[in-house]
Amino acid sequence: MADFIIKSKKKKDYTQFTARIETDVLENIRKVVKENNLSINEFINDSLKFALKNMKILENE
């Protein structure tokens, strides 16, 4: 029988927030998360952090 190992994670401050996500986008997120054994919350948080860090805003002319 395999050992049951608990890994402690650094506590993070989270806020519950509701948002609507397009159905096809959510399906893709669920697929990536399942295929890579990831946490959906961590995946979405990391994706949002990446998007914010790399975002460029086009100014209207």
Protein backbone atom coordinates (compact mmCIF):
# COMPACT_ATOMS: atom_id res chain seq x y z
CA MET A 1 0.00 0.00 0.00
CA ALA A 2 1.29 3.46 -0.87
CA ASP A 3 2.12 5.94 1.89
CA PHE A 4 -0.27 8.80 2.50
CA ILE A 5 1.95 11.88 2.45
CA ILE A 6 0.72 15.34 3.31
CA LYS A 7 2.72 18.23 1.92
CA SER A 8 2.30 21.54 3.65
CA LYS A 9 1.72 24.46 1.36
CA LYS A 10 2.37 28.09 2.06
CA LYS A 11 -0.89 29.71 3.16
CA LYS A 12 -2.17 32.28 0.71
CA ASP A 13 -4.82 34.92 1.11
CA TYR A 14 -7.78 34.14 -1.14
CA THR A 15 -11.03 35.96 -1.81
CA GLN A 16 -14.05 34.14 -3.19
CA PHE A 17 -15.07 35.82 -6.45
CA THR A 18 -17.66 34.85 -9.01
CA ALA A 19 -17.10 35.44 -12.71
CA ARG A 20 -18.69 34.16 -15.89
CA ILE A 21 -16.32 32.24 -18.14
CA GLU A 22 -17.13 31.34 -21.72
CA THR A 23 -18.09 27.67 -21.96
CA ASP A 24 -15.37 26.76 -24.47
CA VAL A 25 -12.70 28.51 -22.39
CA LEU A 26 -13.78 26.66 -19.25
CA GLU A 27 -13.73 23.35 -21.12
CA ASN A 28 -10.15 24.05 -22.24
CA ILE A 29 -9.13 24.99 -18.69
CA ARG A 30 -10.62 21.79 -17.29
CA LYS A 31 -8.87 19.73 -19.97
CA VAL A 32 -5.44 21.27 -19.29
CA VAL A 33 -5.89 20.96 -15.52
CA LYS A 34 -6.95 17.31 -15.74
CA GLU A 35 -4.21 16.30 -18.21
CA ASN A 36 -1.51 17.91 -16.06
CA ASN A 37 -2.87 17.04 -12.61
CA LEU A 38 -3.09 20.70 -11.58
CA SER A 39 -5.25 22.67 -9.18
CA ILE A 40 -7.84 24.64 -11.15
CA ASN A 41 -7.54 27.55 -8.69
CA GLU A 42 -3.76 27.71 -8.96
CA PHE A 43 -3.95 27.40 -12.75
CA ILE A 44 -6.40 30.29 -13.05
CA ASN A 45 -4.45 32.44 -10.57
CA ASP A 46 -1.15 31.78 -12.36
CA SER A 47 -2.76 32.49 -15.74
CA LEU A 48 -4.20 35.79 -14.51
CA LYS A 49 -0.86 36.82 -12.98
CA PHE A 50 0.91 36.03 -16.26
CA ALA A 51 -1.69 37.96 -18.28
CA LEU A 52 -1.44 41.01 -16.01
CA LYS A 53 2.35 40.97 -16.04
CA ASN A 54 2.55 40.69 -19.84
CA MET A 55 -0.41 42.86 -20.79
CA LYS A 56 0.01 45.73 -23.21
CA ILE A 57 -2.71 48.31 -23.63
CA LEU A 58 -3.26 49.89 -27.03
CA GLU A 59 -4.16 53.54 -26.82
CA ASN A 60 -6.99 54.90 -28.95
CA GLU A 61 -5.84 57.32 -31.59
